[in-house]
Amino acid sequence: MTGHLTVLLEWTVVDFAFLGIGIQQYISITRDLKRTRETADAEKTSAEKNSAEKHSAETGHPEGE
């Protein structure tokens, strides 16, 4: 009976190790995707702002005229 309990304990430890690694990888990927998405949104906002400033400078009248 001791052999069966040892095998059960071993499999349980291995299963929890794999489960823990899987959860850690999921959290890591989720954080990375969120960070990438936020960076892309910030770049898009910055590009739109620069485009709007450039457009308003081109369509306006020069100063002093």
Protein backbone atom coordinates (compact mmCIF):
# COMPACT_ATOMS: atom_id res chain seq x y z
CA MET A 1 0.00 0.00 0.00
CA THR A 2 2.91 2.34 0.67
CA GLY A 3 4.03 2.05 -2.96
CA HIS A 4 0.60 3.13 -4.19
CA LEU A 5 0.59 6.17 -1.92
CA THR A 6 4.09 7.12 -3.06
CA VAL A 7 3.06 6.94 -6.70
CA LEU A 8 -0.10 8.93 -5.98
CA LEU A 9 1.91 11.59 -4.15
CA GLU A 10 4.47 11.74 -6.96
CA TRP A 11 1.81 12.14 -9.64
CA THR A 12 0.02 14.77 -7.55
CA VAL A 13 3.21 16.80 -7.14
CA VAL A 14 3.99 16.54 -10.86
CA ASP A 15 0.42 17.53 -11.79
CA PHE A 16 0.50 20.57 -9.52
CA ALA A 17 3.91 21.56 -10.89
CA PHE A 18 2.60 21.46 -14.46
CA LEU A 19 -0.54 23.30 -13.44
CA GLY A 20 1.52 25.97 -11.68
CA ILE A 21 3.79 26.42 -14.69
CA GLY A 22 0.75 26.70 -16.96
CA ILE A 23 -0.87 29.33 -14.76
CA GLN A 24 2.38 31.29 -14.57
CA GLN A 25 2.72 31.23 -18.37
CA TYR A 26 -0.90 32.34 -18.82
CA ILE A 27 -0.38 35.29 -16.48
CA SER A 28 2.88 36.22 -18.21
CA ILE A 29 1.35 36.14 -21.69
CA THR A 30 -1.72 38.09 -20.55
CA ARG A 31 0.47 40.83 -19.06
CA ASP A 32 2.61 40.97 -22.19
CA LEU A 33 -0.41 41.25 -24.47
CA LYS A 34 -1.88 44.00 -22.30
CA ARG A 35 1.42 45.92 -22.32
CA THR A 36 1.71 45.54 -26.11
CA ARG A 37 -1.88 46.68 -26.62
CA GLU A 38 -1.34 49.75 -24.41
CA THR A 39 1.86 50.65 -26.27
CA ALA A 40 0.13 50.33 -29.64
CA ASP A 41 -2.78 52.48 -28.44
CA ALA A 42 -0.38 55.14 -27.14
CA GLU A 43 1.52 55.17 -30.44
CA LYS A 44 -1.75 55.42 -32.39
CA THR A 45 -2.95 58.31 -30.22
CA SER A 46 0.39 60.08 -30.61
CA ALA A 47 0.35 59.61 -34.38
CA GLU A 48 -3.21 60.94 -34.62
CA LYS A 49 -2.29 63.95 -32.49
CA ASN A 50 0.79 64.68 -34.63
CA SER A 51 -1.28 64.30 -37.80
CA ALA A 52 -3.93 66.69 -36.51
CA GLU A 53 -1.31 69.26 -35.53
CA LYS A 54 0.38 68.98 -38.92
CA HIS A 55 -2.95 69.29 -40.74
CA SER A 56 -3.99 72.38 -38.75
CA ALA A 57 -0.59 74.00 -39.39
CA GLU A 58 -0.90 73.38 -43.15
CA THR A 59 -4.44 74.68 -43.50
CA GLY A 60 -4.04 77.79 -41.34
CA HIS A 61 -2.85 81.17 -42.50
CA PRO A 62 0.74 82.13 -41.87
CA GLU A 63 1.19 84.57 -39.04
CA GLY A 64 1.52 88.22 -39.95
CA GLU A 65 -0.51 88.06 -43.14
